[in-house]
Amino acid sequence: MSGQKALFGKIKKDRLRSLGGRGILFALIPTRPLLQDSDAKKPPFPWNSYLSYGLAVARASLGAVAYLAPTVPSIPWVGKEESSRHSVRLFARTLGARDLALGLGHLYSLTQDKDSQRWLLAGAVADLGDTVATIIDFKKLPKPYAYGVLASTVSACALGIYLAVAD
């Protein structure tokens, strides 16, 4: 994605030095890029880059939560009673590890000026699988949450596909 090159260029040493002891994560936070001569025809605000970055952070965050506290994402999906079962917690942790790996890989590709299209498509395929699984068992899912789970899986899949083919 060409807009990401201007946004997620290599981290400069002086920026890391100016952060002091606050860590490298602050250096990864995107700032508004300056337009270059080659970007004169592009709009000044790269929405796709910000959406891509947000999707990667959201996926990695959800994966970390699912891995560390598996009942949190399990309750909306299967209900409170089922979420406390060992097998459900185990499965939530495996999905958490998947999403954490996809999110961190996507973040790495953005910050290292690599092509993120493959990471976006891999995440979209994972989200498509989650969507299909949710639709198959939709009648059995707890209804207050089932609509939100379905909406989030469909929107994450659609956003991933859009961002992968946008550039």
C-alpha atoms as a PDB file:
ATOM      1  CA  MET A   1       0.000   0.000   0.000  1.00  0.00           C
ATOM      2  CA  SER A   2       1.761   3.118  -1.232  1.00  0.00           C
ATOM      3  CA  GLY A   3       0.147   5.506   1.255  1.00  0.00           C
ATOM      4  CA  GLN A   4       1.635   3.491   4.082  1.00  0.00           C
ATOM      5  CA  LYS A   5       5.169   4.209   2.877  1.00  0.00           C
ATOM      6  CA  ALA A   6       4.776   7.892   3.702  1.00  0.00           C
ATOM      7  CA  LEU A   7       3.070   7.076   6.987  1.00  0.00           C
ATOM      8  CA  PHE A   8       5.070   4.133   8.251  1.00  0.00           C
ATOM      9  CA  GLY A   9       8.619   4.813   7.108  1.00  0.00           C
ATOM     10  CA  LYS A  10      11.548   3.494   9.035  1.00  0.00           C
ATOM     11  CA  ILE A  11      11.706   4.741  12.603  1.00  0.00           C
ATOM     12  CA  LYS A  12      14.342   7.427  12.911  1.00  0.00           C
ATOM     13  CA  LYS A  13      16.918   7.235  15.666  1.00  0.00           C
ATOM     14  CA  ASP A  14      16.286  10.798  16.805  1.00  0.00           C
ATOM     15  CA  ARG A  15      12.601  10.024  17.339  1.00  0.00           C
ATOM     16  CA  LEU A  16      13.511   7.027  19.476  1.00  0.00           C
ATOM     17  CA  ARG A  17      15.981   9.142  21.465  1.00  0.00           C
ATOM     18  CA  SER A  18      13.371  11.846  22.068  1.00  0.00           C
ATOM     19  CA  LEU A  19      11.060   9.278  23.652  1.00  0.00           C
ATOM     20  CA  GLY A  20      13.466   8.543  26.476  1.00  0.00           C
ATOM     21  CA  GLY A  21      12.328   5.600  28.598  1.00  0.00           C
ATOM     22  CA  ARG A  22       8.762   5.459  27.284  1.00  0.00           C
ATOM     23  CA  GLY A  23       9.489   2.537  24.983  1.00  0.00           C
ATOM     24  CA  ILE A  24       9.414   1.722  21.323  1.00  0.00           C
ATOM     25  CA  LEU A  25       5.615   1.478  21.089  1.00  0.00           C
ATOM     26  CA  PHE A  26       5.308   5.267  21.122  1.00  0.00           C
ATOM     27  CA  ALA A  27       7.638   5.418  18.134  1.00  0.00           C
ATOM     28  CA  LEU A  28       5.240   3.162  16.212  1.00  0.00           C
ATOM     29  CA  ILE A  29       2.264   5.499  16.639  1.00  0.00           C
ATOM     30  CA  PRO A  30       1.630   7.093  13.253  1.00  0.00           C
ATOM     31  CA  THR A  31       1.841  10.815  12.697  1.00  0.00           C
ATOM     32  CA  ARG A  32       0.338  12.765   9.840  1.00  0.00           C
ATOM     33  CA  PRO A  33       2.732  12.495   6.895  1.00  0.00           C
ATOM     34  CA  LEU A  34       3.986  15.366   4.802  1.00  0.00           C
ATOM     35  CA  LEU A  35       3.077  15.171   1.141  1.00  0.00           C
ATOM     36  CA  GLN A  36       5.926  14.662  -1.247  1.00  0.00           C
ATOM     37  CA  ASP A  37       6.051  15.792  -4.880  1.00  0.00           C
ATOM     38  CA  SER A  38       5.151  12.285  -6.075  1.00  0.00           C
ATOM     39  CA  ASP A  39       2.063  12.348  -3.840  1.00  0.00           C
ATOM     40  CA  ALA A  40       0.667  15.622  -5.206  1.00  0.00           C
ATOM     41  CA  LYS A  41      -2.443  13.948  -6.657  1.00  0.00           C
ATOM     42  CA  LYS A  42      -3.254  12.045  -3.461  1.00  0.00           C
ATOM     43  CA  PRO A  43      -5.427  13.469  -0.681  1.00  0.00           C
ATOM     44  CA  PRO A  44      -3.393  14.870   2.233  1.00  0.00           C
ATOM     45  CA  PHE A  45      -4.845  12.470   4.809  1.00  0.00           C
ATOM     46  CA  PRO A  46      -4.204   8.742   4.151  1.00  0.00           C
ATOM     47  CA  TRP A  47      -7.357   7.175   5.589  1.00  0.00           C
ATOM     48  CA  ASN A  48      -6.504   3.690   4.346  1.00  0.00           C
ATOM     49  CA  SER A  49      -3.223   3.732   6.235  1.00  0.00           C
ATOM     50  CA  TYR A  50      -4.920   4.716   9.459  1.00  0.00           C
ATOM     51  CA  LEU A  51      -7.628   2.091   8.957  1.00  0.00           C
ATOM     52  CA  SER A  52      -4.995  -0.548   8.281  1.00  0.00           C
ATOM     53  CA  TYR A  53      -3.044   0.428  11.376  1.00  0.00           C
ATOM     54  CA  GLY A  54      -6.244   0.411  13.468  1.00  0.00           C
ATOM     55  CA  LEU A  55      -7.256  -3.008  12.191  1.00  0.00           C
ATOM     56  CA  ALA A  56      -3.832  -4.412  13.040  1.00  0.00           C
ATOM     57  CA  VAL A  57      -3.881  -2.944  16.561  1.00  0.00           C
ATOM     58  CA  ALA A  58      -7.447  -4.140  17.160  1.00  0.00           C
ATOM     59  CA  ARG A  59      -6.621  -7.670  15.979  1.00  0.00           C
ATOM     60  CA  ALA A  60      -3.461  -7.889  18.089  1.00  0.00           C
ATOM     61  CA  SER A  61      -5.281  -6.482  21.131  1.00  0.00           C
ATOM     62  CA  LEU A  62      -8.193  -8.893  20.784  1.00  0.00           C
ATOM     63  CA  GLY A  63      -5.728 -11.752  20.389  1.00  0.00           C
ATOM     64  CA  ALA A  64      -3.842 -10.754  23.539  1.00  0.00           C
ATOM     65  CA  VAL A  65      -7.070 -10.480  25.549  1.00  0.00           C
ATOM     66  CA  ALA A  66      -8.341 -13.817  24.238  1.00  0.00           C
ATOM     67  CA  TYR A  67      -5.071 -15.490  25.126  1.00  0.00           C
ATOM     68  CA  LEU A  68      -4.693 -13.971  28.600  1.00  0.00           C
ATOM     69  CA  ALA A  69      -8.380 -13.860  29.630  1.00  0.00           C
ATOM     70  CA  PRO A  70     -10.209 -16.310  27.342  1.00  0.00           C
ATOM     71  CA  THR A  71     -13.626 -15.904  28.954  1.00  0.00           C
ATOM     72  CA  VAL A  72     -13.813 -12.205  27.992  1.00  0.00           C
ATOM     73  CA  PRO A  73     -14.263 -12.768  24.230  1.00  0.00           C
ATOM     74  CA  SER A  74     -16.011 -16.112  24.801  1.00  0.00           C
ATOM     75  CA  ILE A  75     -18.995 -14.728  26.721  1.00  0.00           C
ATOM     76  CA  PRO A  76     -20.464 -12.765  23.773  1.00  0.00           C
ATOM     77  CA  TRP A  77     -19.862 -15.674  21.437  1.00  0.00           C
ATOM     78  CA  VAL A  78     -21.100 -18.684  23.418  1.00  0.00           C
ATOM     79  CA  GLY A  79     -22.659 -17.262  26.591  1.00  0.00           C
ATOM     80  CA  LYS A  80     -21.594 -17.012  30.210  1.00  0.00           C
ATOM     81  CA  GLU A  81     -22.221 -20.650  31.176  1.00  0.00           C
ATOM     82  CA  GLU A  82     -20.348 -22.144  28.253  1.00  0.00           C
ATOM     83  CA  SER A  83     -17.445 -19.687  28.454  1.00  0.00           C
ATOM     84  CA  SER A  84     -16.271 -21.150  31.774  1.00  0.00           C
ATOM     85  CA  ARG A  85     -15.768 -24.640  30.305  1.00  0.00           C
ATOM     86  CA  HIS A  86     -12.160 -25.723  29.899  1.00  0.00           C
ATOM     87  CA  SER A  87     -12.593 -26.675  26.239  1.00  0.00           C
ATOM     88  CA  VAL A  88     -14.055 -23.253  25.376  1.00  0.00           C
ATOM     89  CA  ARG A  89     -11.222 -21.440  27.172  1.00  0.00           C
ATOM     90  CA  LEU A  90      -8.675 -23.603  25.347  1.00  0.00           C
ATOM     91  CA  PHE A  91     -10.272 -22.851  21.991  1.00  0.00           C
ATOM     92  CA  ALA A  92     -10.463 -19.118  22.799  1.00  0.00           C
ATOM     93  CA  ARG A  93      -6.747 -19.139  23.609  1.00  0.00           C
ATOM     94  CA  THR A  94      -5.904 -20.792  20.291  1.00  0.00           C
ATOM     95  CA  LEU A  95      -7.972 -18.194  18.418  1.00  0.00           C
ATOM     96  CA  GLY A  96      -6.293 -15.511  20.512  1.00  0.00           C
ATOM     97  CA  ALA A  97      -2.863 -16.761  19.505  1.00  0.00           C
ATOM     98  CA  ARG A  98      -3.971 -16.724  15.855  1.00  0.00           C
ATOM     99  CA  ASP A  99      -5.240 -13.154  16.042  1.00  0.00           C
ATOM    100  CA  LEU A 100      -2.218 -11.982  18.014  1.00  0.00           C
ATOM    101  CA  ALA A 101       0.123 -13.429  15.385  1.00  0.00           C
ATOM    102  CA  LEU A 102      -1.890 -11.935  12.501  1.00  0.00           C
ATOM    103  CA  GLY A 103      -2.109  -8.541  14.189  1.00  0.00           C
ATOM    104  CA  LEU A 104       1.576  -8.368  15.125  1.00  0.00           C
ATOM    105  CA  GLY A 105       2.629  -9.542  11.665  1.00  0.00           C
ATOM    106  CA  HIS A 106       0.444  -6.878  10.100  1.00  0.00           C
ATOM    107  CA  LEU A 107       1.863  -4.215  12.451  1.00  0.00           C
ATOM    108  CA  TYR A 108       5.405  -5.323  11.654  1.00  0.00           C
ATOM    109  CA  SER A 109       4.765  -5.051   7.916  1.00  0.00           C
ATOM    110  CA  LEU A 110       3.372  -1.538   8.369  1.00  0.00           C
ATOM    111  CA  THR A 111       6.222  -0.252  10.515  1.00  0.00           C
ATOM    112  CA  GLN A 112       8.981  -1.828   8.415  1.00  0.00           C
ATOM    113  CA  ASP A 113       7.620  -0.469   5.113  1.00  0.00           C
ATOM    114  CA  LYS A 114       6.783  -3.960   3.859  1.00  0.00           C
ATOM    115  CA  ASP A 115       3.786  -5.012   1.790  1.00  0.00           C
ATOM    116  CA  SER A 116       0.898  -5.634   4.187  1.00  0.00           C
ATOM    117  CA  GLN A 117      -1.503  -7.044   1.595  1.00  0.00           C
ATOM    118  CA  ARG A 118      -0.789 -10.670   2.516  1.00  0.00           C
ATOM    119  CA  TRP A 119      -1.363  -9.984   6.211  1.00  0.00           C
ATOM    120  CA  LEU A 120      -4.623  -8.214   5.405  1.00  0.00           C
ATOM    121  CA  LEU A 121      -5.822 -11.108   3.249  1.00  0.00           C
ATOM    122  CA  ALA A 122      -4.809 -13.695   5.877  1.00  0.00           C
ATOM    123  CA  GLY A 123      -6.769 -11.770   8.506  1.00  0.00           C
ATOM    124  CA  ALA A 124      -9.759 -11.458   6.167  1.00  0.00           C
ATOM    125  CA  VAL A 125      -9.748 -15.214   5.563  1.00  0.00           C
ATOM    126  CA  ALA A 126      -9.646 -15.829   9.328  1.00  0.00           C
ATOM    127  CA  ASP A 127     -12.522 -13.369   9.802  1.00  0.00           C
ATOM    128  CA  LEU A 128     -14.473 -15.041   7.005  1.00  0.00           C
ATOM    129  CA  GLY A 129     -14.078 -18.366   8.814  1.00  0.00           C
ATOM    130  CA  ASP A 130     -15.315 -16.760  12.032  1.00  0.00           C
ATOM    131  CA  THR A 131     -18.273 -15.263  10.151  1.00  0.00           C
ATOM    132  CA  VAL A 132     -19.267 -18.578   8.567  1.00  0.00           C
ATOM    133  CA  ALA A 133     -18.957 -20.386  11.916  1.00  0.00           C
ATOM    134  CA  THR A 134     -21.124 -17.728  13.559  1.00  0.00           C
ATOM    135  CA  ILE A 135     -23.777 -17.972  10.834  1.00  0.00           C
ATOM    136  CA  ILE A 136     -23.881 -21.783  11.040  1.00  0.00           C
ATOM    137  CA  ASP A 137     -24.678 -21.740  14.765  1.00  0.00           C
ATOM    138  CA  PHE A 138     -26.418 -18.360  14.912  1.00  0.00           C
ATOM    139  CA  LYS A 139     -29.730 -19.763  16.233  1.00  0.00           C
ATOM    140  CA  LYS A 140     -27.944 -21.364  19.194  1.00  0.00           C
ATOM    141  CA  LEU A 141     -25.922 -18.281  20.186  1.00  0.00           C
ATOM    142  CA  PRO A 142     -27.031 -15.890  22.950  1.00  0.00           C
ATOM    143  CA  LYS A 143     -29.096 -13.294  21.098  1.00  0.00           C
ATOM    144  CA  PRO A 144     -28.138 -10.075  22.820  1.00  0.00           C
ATOM    145  CA  TYR A 145     -24.541 -10.668  21.796  1.00  0.00           C
ATOM    146  CA  ALA A 146     -24.885 -12.735  18.629  1.00  0.00           C
ATOM    147  CA  TYR A 147     -25.703  -9.742  16.435  1.00  0.00           C
ATOM    148  CA  GLY A 148     -22.664  -7.843  17.678  1.00  0.00           C
ATOM    149  CA  VAL A 149     -20.375 -10.821  17.117  1.00  0.00           C
ATOM    150  CA  LEU A 150     -21.717 -11.285  13.595  1.00  0.00           C
ATOM    151  CA  ALA A 151     -21.406  -7.570  12.819  1.00  0.00           C
ATOM    152  CA  SER A 152     -17.821  -7.440  14.075  1.00  0.00           C
ATOM    153  CA  THR A 153     -16.684 -10.505  12.118  1.00  0.00           C
ATOM    154  CA  VAL A 154     -18.366  -9.342   8.906  1.00  0.00           C
ATOM    155  CA  SER A 155     -17.020  -5.789   9.202  1.00  0.00           C
ATOM    156  CA  ALA A 156     -13.468  -6.959  10.002  1.00  0.00           C
ATOM    157  CA  CYS A 157     -13.556  -9.286   6.988  1.00  0.00           C
ATOM    158  CA  ALA A 158     -14.919  -6.574   4.686  1.00  0.00           C
ATOM    159  CA  LEU A 159     -12.421  -3.979   5.919  1.00  0.00           C
ATOM    160  CA  GLY A 160      -9.512  -6.379   5.472  1.00  0.00           C
ATOM    161  CA  ILE A 161     -10.531  -7.188   1.900  1.00  0.00           C
ATOM    162  CA  TYR A 162     -11.110  -3.512   1.083  1.00  0.00           C
ATOM    163  CA  LEU A 163      -7.719  -2.465   2.418  1.00  0.00           C
ATOM    164  CA  ALA A 164      -5.946  -5.338   0.646  1.00  0.00           C
ATOM    165  CA  VAL A 165      -7.327  -4.380  -2.763  1.00  0.00           C
ATOM    166  CA  ALA A 166      -7.420  -0.577  -2.261  1.00  0.00           C
ATOM    167  CA  ASP A 167      -3.860   0.026  -3.429  1.00  0.00           C
END
